[in-house]
Amino acid sequence: MTTMRAVGISRPGGPEVLEIVDLPVPQPGPGEVRIRVSAATVNPTDVGLRELGAGLPTPWVPGMELAGLVDEVGDGVRLALGTPVMAVVSPRRPQGGAQAELVVVPEESAVPVPAGLSDVEAATVPMNGLTARLALDRLHCPPARRSG
């Protein structure tokens, strides 16, 4: 496989500017994992960037979070092939975002999916978790008050 499919956006606009594009298959470097995506989210940020334009080379790939299986790893990675993971990614990076068949991320951006979560459910956890963490940090909530 030399190419993969992804959601691509070539110009600002409504949902009609979304298209399926063929892109080169990304290869993980040291400390990176490649994930075969089974679920990716659409967040308000994706809609805003699509409507206003991302200011990135086109076609750019939207999506900030995903779930899938680790299908290739770079040197020094501890996650095993076949591990179900969820990950967060910036759609503003040169490689684009989560709405692609295969996505490469730094290992620290991916974590194993908790038992009992479907891929669709797992794909929604990263941004919600980061948002909750940011709220707790901004409220200066001490760790002892974060549980129970």
N, C-alpha and C. Protein backbone atom coordinates (compact mmCIF):
# COMPACT_ATOMS: atom_id res chain seq x y z
N MET A 1 0.85 -1.17 0.00
CA MET A 1 0.00 0.00 0.00
C MET A 1 0.89 1.23 0.00
N THR A 2 0.74 2.06 -1.01
CA THR A 2 1.54 3.28 -1.08
C THR A 2 0.72 4.53 -0.81
N THR A 3 -0.61 4.40 -0.95
CA THR A 3 -1.48 5.53 -0.63
C THR A 3 -2.59 5.08 0.30
N MET A 4 -3.20 6.04 0.95
CA MET A 4 -4.33 5.79 1.85
C MET A 4 -5.38 6.86 1.58
N ARG A 5 -6.57 6.61 2.08
CA ARG A 5 -7.64 7.59 1.94
C ARG A 5 -7.74 8.45 3.19
N ALA A 6 -8.15 9.69 2.98
CA ALA A 6 -8.35 10.63 4.09
C ALA A 6 -9.42 11.62 3.69
N VAL A 7 -9.98 12.29 4.68
CA VAL A 7 -10.87 13.41 4.41
C VAL A 7 -9.97 14.61 4.12
N GLY A 8 -10.21 15.25 3.01
CA GLY A 8 -9.39 16.39 2.62
C GLY A 8 -10.24 17.63 2.42
N ILE A 9 -9.66 18.77 2.73
CA ILE A 9 -10.32 20.06 2.53
C ILE A 9 -9.37 20.93 1.72
N SER A 10 -9.83 21.41 0.57
CA SER A 10 -8.99 22.21 -0.31
C SER A 10 -9.32 23.69 -0.31
N ARG A 11 -10.49 24.04 0.27
CA ARG A 11 -10.89 25.46 0.31
C ARG A 11 -11.89 25.64 1.45
N PRO A 12 -12.00 26.84 1.97
CA PRO A 12 -12.99 27.09 3.02
C PRO A 12 -14.41 26.89 2.50
N GLY A 13 -15.31 26.49 3.40
CA GLY A 13 -16.70 26.36 3.01
C GLY A 13 -17.47 25.46 3.96
N GLY A 14 -18.64 25.06 3.50
CA GLY A 14 -19.51 24.18 4.27
C GLY A 14 -19.13 22.73 4.06
N PRO A 15 -20.00 21.83 4.48
CA PRO A 15 -19.71 20.40 4.35
C PRO A 15 -19.42 19.97 2.91
N GLU A 16 -19.90 20.73 1.93
CA GLU A 16 -19.68 20.35 0.53
C GLU A 16 -18.21 20.39 0.11
N VAL A 17 -17.34 21.04 0.90
CA VAL A 17 -15.92 21.09 0.52
C VAL A 17 -15.15 19.86 1.00
N LEU A 18 -15.79 19.01 1.81
CA LEU A 18 -15.14 17.79 2.27
C LEU A 18 -15.05 16.81 1.09
N GLU A 19 -13.90 16.19 0.93
CA GLU A 19 -13.73 15.21 -0.13
C GLU A 19 -12.82 14.09 0.34
N ILE A 20 -12.89 12.96 -0.30
CA ILE A 20 -11.98 11.86 -0.02
C ILE A 20 -10.77 12.02 -0.95
N VAL A 21 -9.59 12.03 -0.36
CA VAL A 21 -8.35 12.21 -1.13
C VAL A 21 -7.41 11.04 -0.86
N ASP A 22 -6.54 10.79 -1.80
CA ASP A 22 -5.48 9.79 -1.63
C ASP A 22 -4.21 10.52 -1.22
N LEU A 23 -3.60 10.05 -0.14
CA LEU A 23 -2.36 10.63 0.39
C LEU A 23 -1.33 9.53 0.57
N PRO A 24 -0.05 9.88 0.60
CA PRO A 24 0.97 8.86 0.87
C PRO A 24 0.78 8.23 2.25
N VAL A 25 1.08 6.96 2.36
CA VAL A 25 1.01 6.26 3.65
C VAL A 25 2.11 6.82 4.55
N PRO A 26 1.76 7.31 5.74
CA PRO A 26 2.78 7.85 6.64
C PRO A 26 3.58 6.74 7.30
N GLN A 27 4.84 7.00 7.54
CA GLN A 27 5.73 6.04 8.19
C GLN A 27 6.19 6.59 9.53
N PRO A 28 6.11 5.79 10.59
CA PRO A 28 6.54 6.29 11.90
C PRO A 28 8.06 6.40 12.00
N GLY A 29 8.50 7.45 12.65
CA GLY A 29 9.91 7.61 12.95
C GLY A 29 10.18 7.16 14.38
N PRO A 30 11.38 7.39 14.88
CA PRO A 30 11.69 7.02 16.27
C PRO A 30 10.71 7.66 17.25
N GLY A 31 10.20 6.86 18.18
CA GLY A 31 9.29 7.36 19.19
C GLY A 31 7.87 7.58 18.71
N GLU A 32 7.55 7.14 17.50
CA GLU A 32 6.22 7.35 16.95
C GLU A 32 5.50 6.03 16.70
N VAL A 33 4.17 6.10 16.69
CA VAL A 33 3.34 4.93 16.36
C VAL A 33 2.43 5.30 15.20
N ARG A 34 2.17 4.29 14.36
CA ARG A 34 1.17 4.48 13.31
C ARG A 34 -0.08 3.74 13.74
N ILE A 35 -1.22 4.41 13.61
CA ILE A 35 -2.50 3.86 14.04
C ILE A 35 -3.39 3.66 12.82
N ARG A 36 -3.96 2.46 12.70
CA ARG A 36 -5.00 2.19 11.71
C ARG A 36 -6.30 2.67 12.35
N VAL A 37 -6.82 3.78 11.86
CA VAL A 37 -7.94 4.48 12.48
C VAL A 37 -9.25 3.74 12.21
N SER A 38 -10.01 3.53 13.28
CA SER A 38 -11.34 2.94 13.16
C SER A 38 -12.44 3.93 13.53
N ALA A 39 -12.09 5.01 14.25
CA ALA A 39 -13.05 6.06 14.61
C ALA A 39 -12.30 7.37 14.81
N ALA A 40 -12.86 8.44 14.26
CA ALA A 40 -12.29 9.77 14.43
C ALA A 40 -13.43 10.75 14.67
N THR A 41 -13.16 11.79 15.43
CA THR A 41 -14.21 12.72 15.81
C THR A 41 -14.28 13.93 14.88
N VAL A 42 -15.37 14.67 15.01
CA VAL A 42 -15.54 15.98 14.40
C VAL A 42 -15.84 16.93 15.56
N ASN A 43 -14.97 17.89 15.78
CA ASN A 43 -15.10 18.85 16.86
C ASN A 43 -15.44 20.24 16.31
N PRO A 44 -15.92 21.14 17.18
CA PRO A 44 -16.20 22.50 16.72
C PRO A 44 -14.99 23.16 16.06
N THR A 45 -13.78 22.84 16.51
CA THR A 45 -12.58 23.39 15.89
C THR A 45 -12.48 22.96 14.43
N ASP A 46 -12.82 21.71 14.13
CA ASP A 46 -12.78 21.23 12.75
C ASP A 46 -13.75 22.01 11.87
N VAL A 47 -14.95 22.25 12.40
CA VAL A 47 -15.96 22.98 11.65
C VAL A 47 -15.48 24.42 11.40
N GLY A 48 -14.94 25.06 12.44
CA GLY A 48 -14.44 26.43 12.29
C GLY A 48 -13.31 26.52 11.27
N LEU A 49 -12.36 25.61 11.33
CA LEU A 49 -11.26 25.63 10.37
C LEU A 49 -11.76 25.37 8.95
N ARG A 50 -12.73 24.46 8.83
CA ARG A 50 -13.29 24.17 7.51
C ARG A 50 -13.99 25.41 6.95
N GLU A 51 -14.77 26.09 7.78
CA GLU A 51 -15.53 27.25 7.32
C GLU A 51 -14.64 28.46 7.02
N LEU A 52 -13.62 28.67 7.84
CA LEU A 52 -12.78 29.87 7.71
C LEU A 52 -11.49 29.64 6.94
N GLY A 53 -11.09 28.39 6.81
CA GLY A 53 -9.82 28.07 6.18
C GLY A 53 -8.76 27.89 7.24
N ALA A 54 -7.91 26.93 7.03
CA ALA A 54 -6.90 26.61 8.03
C ALA A 54 -5.58 27.32 7.78
N GLY A 55 -5.40 27.89 6.61
CA GLY A 55 -4.12 28.51 6.29
C GLY A 55 -3.01 27.50 6.14
N LEU A 56 -3.37 26.28 5.74
CA LEU A 56 -2.41 25.19 5.58
C LEU A 56 -2.36 24.76 4.12
N PRO A 57 -1.26 24.11 3.71
CA PRO A 57 -1.25 23.55 2.35
C PRO A 57 -2.42 22.59 2.17
N THR A 58 -3.01 22.61 1.00
CA THR A 58 -4.18 21.76 0.75
C THR A 58 -3.80 20.52 -0.03
N PRO A 59 -4.60 19.47 0.07
CA PRO A 59 -5.74 19.37 0.96
C PRO A 59 -5.28 19.10 2.39
N TRP A 60 -5.90 19.75 3.36
CA TRP A 60 -5.53 19.48 4.75
C TRP A 60 -6.56 18.53 5.33
N VAL A 61 -6.10 17.74 6.31
CA VAL A 61 -6.91 16.68 6.92
C VAL A 61 -7.37 17.13 8.30
N PRO A 62 -8.70 17.20 8.53
CA PRO A 62 -9.21 17.62 9.84
C PRO A 62 -9.18 16.47 10.85
N GLY A 63 -9.56 16.79 12.07
CA GLY A 63 -9.70 15.78 13.13
C GLY A 63 -8.67 15.93 14.21
N MET A 64 -9.15 15.88 15.47
CA MET A 64 -8.26 16.07 16.61
C MET A 64 -8.12 14.85 17.50
N GLU A 65 -8.98 13.85 17.34
CA GLU A 65 -8.88 12.67 18.19
C GLU A 65 -9.37 11.45 17.43
N LEU A 66 -8.84 10.30 17.83
CA LEU A 66 -9.11 9.07 17.09
C LEU A 66 -8.94 7.86 17.98
N ALA A 67 -9.42 6.73 17.48
CA ALA A 67 -9.18 5.43 18.11
C ALA A 67 -8.87 4.44 17.00
N GLY A 68 -8.08 3.43 17.32
CA GLY A 68 -7.74 2.40 16.34
C GLY A 68 -6.69 1.46 16.91
N LEU A 69 -6.03 0.74 16.02
CA LEU A 69 -5.00 -0.24 16.42
C LEU A 69 -3.63 0.21 15.98
N VAL A 70 -2.64 0.03 16.84
CA VAL A 70 -1.26 0.29 16.47
C VAL A 70 -0.89 -0.71 15.39
N ASP A 71 -0.47 -0.21 14.22
CA ASP A 71 -0.13 -1.15 13.14
C ASP A 71 1.32 -1.08 12.70
N GLU A 72 2.06 -0.08 13.20
CA GLU A 72 3.50 -0.01 12.96
C GLU A 72 4.11 0.91 14.01
N VAL A 73 5.34 0.63 14.41
CA VAL A 73 6.00 1.45 15.43
C VAL A 73 7.39 1.83 14.98
N GLY A 74 7.84 2.99 15.47
CA GLY A 74 9.20 3.41 15.23
C GLY A 74 10.12 2.89 16.33
N ASP A 75 11.40 3.13 16.19
CA ASP A 75 12.38 2.70 17.18
C ASP A 75 12.08 3.31 18.55
N GLY A 76 12.27 2.52 19.59
CA GLY A 76 12.13 2.99 20.96
C GLY A 76 10.71 3.06 21.48
N VAL A 77 9.75 2.53 20.76
CA VAL A 77 8.35 2.58 21.18
C VAL A 77 8.01 1.37 22.03
N ARG A 78 7.25 1.58 23.12
CA ARG A 78 6.84 0.49 24.01
C ARG A 78 5.49 -0.10 23.65
N LEU A 79 4.61 0.67 23.02
CA LEU A 79 3.30 0.14 22.63
C LEU A 79 3.50 -0.99 21.62
N ALA A 80 2.77 -2.07 21.82
CA ALA A 80 2.91 -3.24 20.96
C ALA A 80 2.00 -3.16 19.74
N LEU A 81 2.43 -3.79 18.66
CA LEU A 81 1.58 -3.90 17.48
C LEU A 81 0.24 -4.53 17.88
N GLY A 82 -0.85 -4.02 17.33
CA GLY A 82 -2.17 -4.56 17.61
C GLY A 82 -2.84 -3.99 18.84
N THR A 83 -2.15 -3.12 19.59
CA THR A 83 -2.75 -2.53 20.79
C THR A 83 -3.86 -1.55 20.41
N PRO A 84 -5.07 -1.72 20.97
CA PRO A 84 -6.12 -0.72 20.75
C PRO A 84 -5.75 0.56 21.50
N VAL A 85 -5.72 1.69 20.79
CA VAL A 85 -5.33 2.96 21.40
C VAL A 85 -6.31 4.06 21.02
N MET A 86 -6.26 5.13 21.82
CA MET A 86 -6.93 6.38 21.48
C MET A 86 -5.82 7.43 21.48
N ALA A 87 -6.00 8.47 20.66
CA ALA A 87 -4.93 9.46 20.53
C ALA A 87 -5.51 10.83 20.23
N VAL A 88 -4.71 11.82 20.55
CA VAL A 88 -5.04 13.21 20.23
C VAL A 88 -3.98 13.69 19.24
N VAL A 89 -4.40 14.53 18.30
CA VAL A 89 -3.50 15.00 17.24
C VAL A 89 -3.96 16.40 16.81
N SER A 90 -3.02 17.23 16.41
CA SER A 90 -3.38 18.56 15.91
C SER A 90 -3.58 18.51 14.40
N PRO A 91 -4.75 18.96 13.92
CA PRO A 91 -4.95 18.99 12.48
C PRO A 91 -4.11 20.06 11.79
N ARG A 92 -3.47 20.93 12.57
CA ARG A 92 -2.64 21.99 12.00
C ARG A 92 -1.21 21.54 11.70
N ARG A 93 -0.87 20.32 12.09
CA ARG A 93 0.48 19.85 11.79
C ARG A 93 0.59 19.51 10.30
N PRO A 94 1.80 19.48 9.76
CA PRO A 94 1.95 19.22 8.32
C PRO A 94 1.31 17.92 7.85
N GLN A 95 1.28 16.89 8.69
CA GLN A 95 0.69 15.60 8.31
C GLN A 95 -0.83 15.61 8.38
N GLY A 96 -1.41 16.66 8.96
CA GLY A 96 -2.85 16.74 9.09
C GLY A 96 -3.36 16.04 10.33
N GLY A 97 -4.69 15.92 10.39
CA GLY A 97 -5.34 15.41 11.58
C GLY A 97 -5.74 13.96 11.53
N ALA A 98 -6.80 13.64 12.29
CA ALA A 98 -7.19 12.28 12.60
C ALA A 98 -8.08 11.60 11.56
N GLN A 99 -8.66 12.35 10.65
CA GLN A 99 -9.64 11.77 9.74
C GLN A 99 -8.95 11.16 8.51
N ALA A 100 -8.20 10.10 8.78
CA ALA A 100 -7.45 9.39 7.74
C ALA A 100 -7.40 7.91 8.10
N GLU A 101 -7.11 7.08 7.12
CA GLU A 101 -7.02 5.64 7.39
C GLU A 101 -5.87 5.31 8.33
N LEU A 102 -4.75 6.00 8.15
CA LEU A 102 -3.55 5.77 8.96
C LEU A 102 -3.03 7.11 9.45
N VAL A 103 -2.69 7.18 10.74
CA VAL A 103 -2.20 8.42 11.34
C VAL A 103 -0.98 8.08 12.18
N VAL A 104 0.08 8.86 12.03
CA VAL A 104 1.29 8.71 12.84
C VAL A 104 1.29 9.80 13.91
N VAL A 105 1.53 9.38 15.16
CA VAL A 105 1.61 10.32 16.28
C VAL A 105 2.79 9.95 17.16
N PRO A 106 3.30 10.91 17.95
CA PRO A 106 4.29 10.55 18.96
C PRO A 106 3.67 9.55 19.93
N GLU A 107 4.45 8.60 20.42
CA GLU A 107 3.90 7.59 21.33
C GLU A 107 3.18 8.21 22.51
N GLU A 108 3.67 9.33 23.03
CA GLU A 108 3.04 9.93 24.20
C GLU A 108 1.67 10.55 23.89
N SER A 109 1.30 10.63 22.63
CA SER A 109 -0.03 11.12 22.25
C SER A 109 -1.07 10.02 22.16
N ALA A 110 -0.64 8.77 22.34
CA ALA A 110 -1.55 7.62 22.25
C ALA A 110 -1.51 6.84 23.55
N VAL A 111 -2.68 6.37 23.98
CA VAL A 111 -2.76 5.53 25.19
C VAL A 111 -3.70 4.36 24.91
N PRO A 112 -3.47 3.24 25.60
CA PRO A 112 -4.38 2.09 25.42
C PRO A 112 -5.82 2.46 25.76
N VAL A 113 -6.75 1.89 25.02
CA VAL A 113 -8.17 2.10 25.27
C VAL A 113 -8.57 1.32 26.51
N PRO A 114 -9.26 1.96 27.47
CA PRO A 114 -9.74 1.24 28.65
C PRO A 114 -10.70 0.11 28.26
N ALA A 115 -10.65 -0.97 29.00
CA ALA A 115 -11.54 -2.11 28.75
C ALA A 115 -12.99 -1.66 28.78
N GLY A 116 -13.78 -2.18 27.88
CA GLY A 116 -15.21 -1.90 27.87
C GLY A 116 -15.62 -0.73 27.00
N LEU A 117 -14.67 0.05 26.47
CA LEU A 117 -15.02 1.17 25.60
C LEU A 117 -14.97 0.73 24.14
N SER A 118 -15.97 1.11 23.37
CA SER A 118 -15.93 0.87 21.93
C SER A 118 -14.96 1.87 21.31
N ASP A 119 -14.58 1.64 20.05
CA ASP A 119 -13.70 2.58 19.37
C ASP A 119 -14.36 3.95 19.24
N VAL A 120 -15.65 3.98 18.96
CA VAL A 120 -16.35 5.26 18.84
C VAL A 120 -16.32 6.01 20.16
N GLU A 121 -16.58 5.31 21.26
CA GLU A 121 -16.53 5.95 22.58
C GLU A 121 -15.10 6.41 22.90
N ALA A 122 -14.13 5.56 22.64
CA ALA A 122 -12.74 5.89 22.95
C ALA A 122 -12.25 7.11 22.18
N ALA A 123 -12.70 7.27 20.94
CA ALA A 123 -12.27 8.41 20.14
C ALA A 123 -12.70 9.74 20.73
N THR A 124 -13.72 9.74 21.57
CA THR A 124 -14.22 11.00 22.16
C THR A 124 -13.54 11.35 23.48
N VAL A 125 -12.77 10.45 24.03
CA VAL A 125 -12.20 10.66 25.35
C VAL A 125 -11.05 11.67 25.40
N PRO A 126 -10.09 11.67 24.46
CA PRO A 126 -8.92 12.54 24.63
C PRO A 126 -9.24 14.02 24.83
N MET A 127 -10.02 14.64 23.96
CA MET A 127 -10.29 16.07 24.12
C MET A 127 -11.15 16.35 25.33
N ASN A 128 -12.12 15.48 25.62
CA ASN A 128 -12.94 15.68 26.82
C ASN A 128 -12.08 15.58 28.07
N GLY A 129 -11.18 14.62 28.11
CA GLY A 129 -10.28 14.46 29.26
C GLY A 129 -9.34 15.65 29.41
N LEU A 130 -8.77 16.11 28.29
CA LEU A 130 -7.88 17.27 28.36
C LEU A 130 -8.63 18.52 28.79
N THR A 131 -9.87 18.67 28.33
CA THR A 131 -10.68 19.83 28.73
C THR A 131 -10.96 19.80 30.23
N ALA A 132 -11.34 18.61 30.75
CA ALA A 132 -11.59 18.49 32.19
C ALA A 132 -10.33 18.78 32.99
N ARG A 133 -9.20 18.27 32.53
CA ARG A 133 -7.93 18.50 33.23
C ARG A 133 -7.58 19.98 33.24
N LEU A 134 -7.76 20.65 32.12
CA LEU A 134 -7.49 22.08 32.04
C LEU A 134 -8.38 22.86 33.01
N ALA A 135 -9.65 22.48 33.08
CA ALA A 135 -10.57 23.15 34.01
C ALA A 135 -10.11 22.98 35.45
N LEU A 136 -9.74 21.77 35.82
CA LEU A 136 -9.26 21.52 37.19
C LEU A 136 -7.99 22.32 37.49
N ASP A 137 -7.08 22.37 36.51
CA ASP A 137 -5.85 23.13 36.70
C ASP A 137 -6.14 24.62 36.85
N ARG A 138 -7.02 25.15 36.03
CA ARG A 138 -7.34 26.58 36.10
C ARG A 138 -8.10 26.95 37.37
N LEU A 139 -8.83 26.00 37.91
CA LEU A 139 -9.53 26.22 39.18
C LEU A 139 -8.60 26.02 40.38
N HIS A 140 -7.35 25.62 40.10
CA HIS A 140 -6.37 25.34 41.14
C HIS A 140 -6.91 24.33 42.14
N CYS A 141 -7.63 23.35 41.63
CA CYS A 141 -8.24 22.31 42.46
C CYS A 141 -7.14 21.34 42.91
N PRO A 142 -6.93 21.21 44.22
CA PRO A 142 -5.87 20.31 44.69
C PRO A 142 -6.20 18.85 44.36
N PRO A 143 -5.18 18.01 44.15
CA PRO A 143 -5.42 16.61 43.79
C PRO A 143 -6.38 15.88 44.72
N ALA A 144 -6.36 16.17 45.99
CA ALA A 144 -7.25 15.47 46.94
C ALA A 144 -8.72 15.74 46.65
N ARG A 145 -9.03 16.85 46.01
CA ARG A 145 -10.43 17.20 45.72
C ARG A 145 -10.86 16.74 44.34
N ARG A 146 -9.96 16.07 43.60
CA ARG A 146 -10.26 15.68 42.22
C ARG A 146 -10.94 14.32 42.13
N SER A 147 -11.06 13.62 43.21
CA SER A 147 -11.69 12.30 43.13
C SER A 147 -12.90 12.24 44.05
N GLY A 148 -13.71 11.18 43.83
CA GLY A 148 -14.84 10.91 44.71
C GLY A 148 -15.94 11.80 44.46
